[in-house]
Amino acid sequence: MDKIIKDIEVNKENVSIWICPDWKSEAFQKYLLSIPLNEVEGTRVDEKNKRNKLLKIEKNLDLGIKKDILIKEFKLKRVYDKIRFKFLKSKAFRSLEIALKLESIEVKTPKAIAVIEKRDRNKNIVFSYYISEYVDCKYNLLEITRDPKHKYRRYVKDYLPQIGKDLRKMHENGLVHNDFHPGNILIKNIDTMPEFYYIDLNRGRIKNKVNTRNRITDVIKINIYEEEEEIFIKNYCPEDWENWLLKLRINRANRKKIRKIRKIFK
């Protein structure tokens, strides 16, 4: 495990547990151990998510839960994923690693609270859960951008400067999100002072240097109107924005061509 993740405990049942220092208590650790036994009760979040289960748990001081939390259960359904994750960090620990990195560079993501995970003797993942603070956001950026009649659609231009600057900060600090699409950008306090939280971190990577290809992977997924793209790119790379805007549009056009070719052979 990378140095950024410290204080992982492993119990007699070979269950790995990481708990945020502010949340460590006997009651909360006992609660974590009850999660794989399906002894937790909460509200299902995002019913459309067929790959992973999301559960909102409300504050309960008796259980050591100091505020509302979100439990994300990662399931490996494909044989290919089950095999490769025998040799890789799990999605839960990847999410933790990226969340801690984002926190260290002061880019918002729901605060990492805990990870609980078990592997068998052959390193197969038996269960894997990532627990974070529950951030109450009415909308994500995708809900707004894909609906021309959305009541907040005209404000997207106001959101993009901060989002562009946040992505720049990630890349300058060696972090690639790898799934930086509008659905993974939550907007809090949208009616007053919008704050942007970046989620679904399990595909992220930390690198010594983020190259152009890595950058394009993140930049290209913000699919918006052309005039909005310009605002986004000007804040992402103000010193070379025209060149980056050209790269973005060329790469997007090439991807559309590839999709058309794939459809022909389906």
Protein backbone atom coordinates (compact mmCIF):
# COMPACT_ATOMS: atom_id res chain seq x y z
CA MET A 1 0.00 0.00 0.00
CA ASP A 2 1.27 3.48 -0.83
CA LYS A 3 2.70 5.68 1.90
CA ILE A 4 -0.24 8.07 1.65
CA ILE A 5 -2.42 5.46 3.42
CA LYS A 6 -1.25 4.82 6.97
CA ASP A 7 -2.53 2.99 10.05
CA ILE A 8 -4.26 0.06 8.37
CA GLU A 9 -5.17 -2.61 10.90
CA VAL A 10 -5.62 -6.29 10.06
CA ASN A 11 -7.56 -8.50 12.50
CA LYS A 12 -7.45 -12.27 13.08
CA GLU A 13 -10.01 -12.89 10.31
CA ASN A 14 -7.69 -11.13 7.83
CA VAL A 15 -10.03 -8.14 7.60
CA SER A 16 -8.22 -4.90 6.77
CA ILE A 17 -9.61 -1.77 8.42
CA TRP A 18 -8.66 1.87 8.00
CA ILE A 19 -10.45 4.53 10.04
CA CYS A 20 -10.00 8.29 9.87
CA PRO A 21 -8.27 9.38 13.12
CA ASP A 22 -11.20 11.66 14.03
CA TRP A 23 -13.59 8.72 13.85
CA LYS A 24 -11.71 6.07 15.79
CA SER A 25 -13.77 4.56 18.59
CA GLU A 26 -14.65 1.10 19.82
CA ALA A 27 -18.31 1.65 18.90
CA PHE A 28 -17.54 2.71 15.33
CA GLN A 29 -15.10 -0.14 14.76
CA LYS A 30 -17.73 -2.58 15.97
CA TYR A 31 -20.20 -0.98 13.59
CA LEU A 32 -17.78 -1.37 10.66
CA LEU A 33 -17.41 -5.06 11.38
CA SER A 34 -21.19 -5.44 11.18
CA ILE A 35 -21.36 -4.06 7.62
CA PRO A 36 -20.25 -7.25 5.77
CA LEU A 37 -22.79 -9.22 7.81
CA ASN A 38 -25.59 -7.06 6.32
CA GLU A 39 -26.55 -5.88 9.78
CA VAL A 40 -26.76 -2.21 8.80
CA GLU A 41 -29.92 -0.33 7.98
CA GLY A 42 -29.93 2.70 5.74
CA THR A 43 -31.39 4.40 2.69
CA ARG A 44 -30.41 3.10 -0.75
CA VAL A 45 -28.87 5.85 -2.87
CA ASP A 46 -28.70 5.78 -6.68
CA GLU A 47 -30.91 2.80 -7.48
CA LYS A 48 -29.68 2.90 -11.10
CA ASN A 49 -26.16 1.92 -10.05
CA LYS A 50 -26.09 -1.80 -10.83
CA ARG A 51 -22.35 -2.29 -10.30
CA ASN A 52 -22.01 -0.93 -6.77
CA LYS A 53 -24.35 -0.51 -3.83
CA LEU A 54 -24.62 2.90 -2.14
CA LEU A 55 -26.22 3.21 1.28
CA LYS A 56 -26.84 6.38 3.29
CA ILE A 57 -26.59 5.92 7.07
CA GLU A 58 -27.86 8.64 9.37
CA LYS A 59 -26.01 10.03 12.38
CA ASN A 60 -26.11 7.68 15.39
CA LEU A 61 -23.80 8.51 18.29
CA ASP A 62 -24.49 5.14 19.99
CA LEU A 63 -22.84 3.47 16.98
CA GLY A 64 -20.02 6.01 16.80
CA ILE A 65 -21.51 7.61 13.67
CA LYS A 66 -20.92 11.31 14.27
CA LYS A 67 -22.70 12.52 11.12
CA ASP A 68 -24.46 11.07 8.08
CA ILE A 69 -22.22 8.72 6.11
CA LEU A 70 -22.29 6.94 2.75
CA ILE A 71 -21.27 3.29 2.45
CA LYS A 72 -20.17 2.13 -0.99
CA GLU A 73 -19.91 -1.60 -1.59
CA PHE A 74 -17.72 -2.55 -4.53
CA LYS A 75 -18.72 -5.73 -6.33
CA LEU A 76 -16.59 -7.55 -8.87
CA LYS A 77 -18.95 -9.34 -11.23
CA ARG A 78 -16.70 -9.93 -14.24
CA VAL A 79 -14.20 -12.79 -14.08
CA TYR A 80 -11.58 -10.48 -15.59
CA ASP A 81 -11.95 -8.01 -12.71
CA LYS A 82 -11.87 -10.74 -10.09
CA ILE A 83 -8.56 -11.98 -11.46
CA ARG A 84 -6.82 -8.63 -11.95
CA PHE A 85 -7.78 -7.28 -8.54
CA LYS A 86 -5.98 -10.21 -6.94
CA PHE A 87 -2.81 -8.33 -7.90
CA LEU A 88 -4.01 -4.73 -7.59
CA LYS A 89 -5.20 -2.41 -4.85
CA SER A 90 -8.95 -2.72 -4.46
CA LYS A 91 -11.35 -0.03 -5.62
CA ALA A 92 -12.05 0.85 -1.97
CA PHE A 93 -8.40 1.49 -1.13
CA ARG A 94 -7.90 3.31 -4.43
CA SER A 95 -10.82 5.59 -3.52
CA LEU A 96 -9.23 6.21 -0.14
CA GLU A 97 -5.85 7.02 -1.64
CA ILE A 98 -7.31 9.57 -4.07
CA ALA A 99 -9.58 11.10 -1.41
CA LEU A 100 -6.63 11.66 0.93
CA LYS A 101 -4.63 13.18 -1.91
CA LEU A 102 -7.48 15.54 -2.81
CA GLU A 103 -7.80 16.56 0.83
CA SER A 104 -4.06 17.29 0.98
CA ILE A 105 -4.26 19.67 -2.01
CA GLU A 106 -7.53 21.26 -0.78
CA VAL A 107 -9.80 20.04 -3.57
CA LYS A 108 -13.20 18.98 -2.29
CA THR A 109 -14.41 15.40 -2.12
CA PRO A 110 -16.64 13.77 0.53
CA LYS A 111 -14.32 13.16 3.49
CA ALA A 112 -12.95 9.63 3.70
CA ILE A 113 -14.16 7.99 6.92
CA ALA A 114 -13.17 4.32 6.68
CA VAL A 115 -12.41 1.27 4.56
CA ILE A 116 -13.18 -2.31 5.52
CA GLU A 117 -12.09 -5.17 3.30
CA LYS A 118 -11.25 -8.86 3.31
CA ARG A 119 -9.25 -11.10 0.99
CA ASP A 120 -9.05 -14.88 1.10
CA ARG A 121 -5.86 -16.96 1.10
CA ASN A 122 -5.59 -16.61 -2.68
CA LYS A 123 -5.90 -12.81 -2.47
CA ASN A 124 -9.42 -12.82 -3.92
CA ILE A 125 -11.54 -9.96 -2.57
CA VAL A 126 -14.29 -11.35 -0.34
CA PHE A 127 -15.84 -7.96 0.41
CA SER A 128 -14.78 -4.33 0.01
CA TYR A 129 -16.44 -1.18 1.40
CA TYR A 130 -15.53 2.49 1.23
CA ILE A 131 -17.17 4.80 3.76
CA SER A 132 -17.26 8.57 3.32
CA GLU A 133 -19.07 11.56 4.69
CA TYR A 134 -22.50 12.00 3.11
CA VAL A 135 -22.62 15.32 1.27
CA ASP A 136 -26.16 16.57 0.74
CA CYS A 137 -26.20 17.85 -2.84
CA LYS A 138 -29.40 18.34 -4.83
CA TYR A 139 -27.70 18.13 -8.21
CA ASN A 140 -24.67 16.92 -10.08
CA LEU A 141 -23.34 18.82 -13.08
CA LEU A 142 -24.64 16.21 -15.55
CA GLU A 143 -28.27 16.68 -14.50
CA ILE A 144 -27.93 20.37 -15.28
CA THR A 145 -25.89 20.28 -18.49
CA ARG A 146 -27.95 17.63 -20.29
CA ASP A 147 -31.24 19.50 -19.78
CA PRO A 148 -31.44 22.78 -21.77
CA LYS A 149 -34.51 23.77 -19.76
CA HIS A 150 -32.99 23.08 -16.34
CA LYS A 151 -33.48 26.04 -14.02
CA TYR A 152 -29.72 26.18 -13.34
CA ARG A 153 -28.56 25.57 -16.93
CA ARG A 154 -27.76 29.25 -17.54
CA TYR A 155 -25.42 29.26 -14.54
CA VAL A 156 -23.08 26.58 -15.90
CA LYS A 157 -20.74 29.28 -17.24
CA ASP A 158 -20.36 30.51 -13.65
CA TYR A 159 -19.46 27.02 -12.38
CA LEU A 160 -16.80 26.20 -14.96
CA PRO A 161 -13.97 28.51 -13.83
CA GLN A 162 -13.69 26.77 -10.44
CA ILE A 163 -14.02 23.30 -11.97
CA GLY A 164 -11.26 24.12 -14.47
CA LYS A 165 -9.00 25.39 -11.69
CA ASP A 166 -9.69 22.30 -9.56
CA LEU A 167 -8.75 19.96 -12.40
CA ARG A 168 -5.58 21.95 -13.05
CA LYS A 169 -4.64 21.63 -9.37
CA MET A 170 -5.19 17.86 -9.52
CA HIS A 171 -2.94 17.47 -12.54
CA GLU A 172 -0.25 19.79 -11.20
CA ASN A 173 -0.11 17.61 -8.08
CA GLY A 174 0.19 14.33 -9.98
CA LEU A 175 -3.41 13.21 -9.69
CA VAL A 176 -5.50 11.87 -12.60
CA HIS A 177 -9.20 11.34 -11.88
CA ASN A 178 -9.80 9.10 -14.94
CA ASP A 179 -13.59 9.49 -14.72
CA PHE A 180 -13.96 13.26 -14.69
CA HIS A 181 -17.40 13.51 -16.26
CA PRO A 182 -20.19 15.86 -15.10
CA GLY A 183 -22.06 13.07 -13.28
CA ASN A 184 -19.13 12.82 -10.87
CA ILE A 185 -19.19 16.50 -9.96
CA LEU A 186 -21.63 17.25 -7.14
CA ILE A 187 -22.80 20.80 -6.47
CA LYS A 188 -23.46 21.83 -2.87
CA ASN A 189 -25.06 25.13 -1.79
CA ILE A 190 -26.17 25.70 -5.36
CA ASP A 191 -28.50 28.58 -4.43
CA THR A 192 -25.94 30.52 -2.41
CA MET A 193 -22.21 29.81 -2.89
CA PRO A 194 -21.81 26.68 -5.05
CA GLU A 195 -19.14 24.20 -3.93
CA PHE A 196 -17.96 21.34 -6.12
CA TYR A 197 -17.25 17.85 -4.81
CA TYR A 198 -15.53 15.24 -6.97
CA ILE A 199 -16.63 11.64 -6.48
CA ASP A 200 -16.19 8.09 -7.90
CA LEU A 201 -12.46 8.11 -7.23
CA ASN A 202 -11.67 4.43 -7.66
CA ARG A 203 -10.25 4.86 -11.19
CA GLY A 204 -7.93 7.65 -10.12
CA ARG A 205 -4.15 7.43 -10.21
CA ILE A 206 -1.30 9.27 -8.53
CA LYS A 207 1.69 9.80 -10.80
CA ASN A 208 5.08 11.48 -10.61
CA LYS A 209 4.07 13.54 -13.63
CA VAL A 210 0.76 13.86 -15.45
CA ASN A 211 1.43 13.76 -19.18
CA THR A 212 -0.65 15.21 -22.02
CA ARG A 213 -2.48 11.94 -22.66
CA ASN A 214 -3.49 11.70 -18.99
CA ARG A 215 -4.70 15.28 -19.04
CA ILE A 216 -6.78 14.78 -22.17
CA THR A 217 -8.43 11.74 -20.55
CA ASP A 218 -9.89 14.01 -17.87
CA VAL A 219 -10.45 17.18 -19.89
CA ILE A 220 -12.38 15.53 -22.72
CA LYS A 221 -15.15 14.17 -20.50
CA ILE A 222 -16.54 17.62 -19.72
CA ASN A 223 -18.91 17.59 -22.71
CA ILE A 224 -20.59 21.02 -22.87
CA TYR A 225 -21.40 23.80 -25.34
CA GLU A 226 -18.47 25.19 -27.32
CA GLU A 227 -18.56 28.61 -25.66
CA GLU A 228 -18.58 26.88 -22.28
CA GLU A 229 -15.65 24.68 -23.26
CA GLU A 230 -13.66 27.83 -23.90
CA ILE A 231 -14.37 29.13 -20.39
CA PHE A 232 -13.42 25.79 -18.88
CA ILE A 233 -10.14 25.52 -20.83
CA LYS A 234 -9.18 29.15 -20.15
CA ASN A 235 -9.29 28.39 -16.43
CA TYR A 236 -7.70 24.95 -16.76
CA CYS A 237 -4.72 26.17 -18.78
CA PRO A 238 -4.79 30.00 -19.09
CA GLU A 239 -1.25 30.25 -20.50
CA ASP A 240 -1.93 27.91 -23.45
CA TRP A 241 -5.71 27.69 -23.65
CA GLU A 242 -6.05 28.00 -27.43
CA ASN A 243 -3.73 25.04 -28.03
CA TRP A 244 -5.57 22.96 -25.42
CA LEU A 245 -8.97 23.83 -26.83
CA LEU A 246 -7.77 22.62 -30.25
CA LYS A 247 -6.43 19.37 -28.72
CA LEU A 248 -9.74 18.82 -26.94
CA ARG A 249 -11.82 19.21 -30.09
CA ILE A 250 -9.52 17.10 -32.27
CA ASN A 251 -9.57 14.27 -29.71
CA ARG A 252 -13.34 14.47 -29.35
CA ALA A 253 -13.82 14.33 -33.12
CA ASN A 254 -11.51 11.30 -33.35
CA ARG A 255 -13.47 9.51 -30.64
CA LYS A 256 -16.74 10.11 -32.47
CA LYS A 257 -15.24 8.55 -35.62
CA ILE A 258 -14.12 5.50 -33.64
CA ARG A 259 -17.61 5.08 -32.14
CA LYS A 260 -19.18 5.20 -35.61
CA ILE A 261 -16.79 2.52 -36.88
CA ARG A 262 -17.56 0.30 -33.89
CA LYS A 263 -21.30 0.60 -34.55
CA ILE A 264 -20.79 -0.62 -38.12
CA PHE A 265 -19.15 -3.85 -36.92
CA LYS A 266 -21.64 -4.59 -34.14
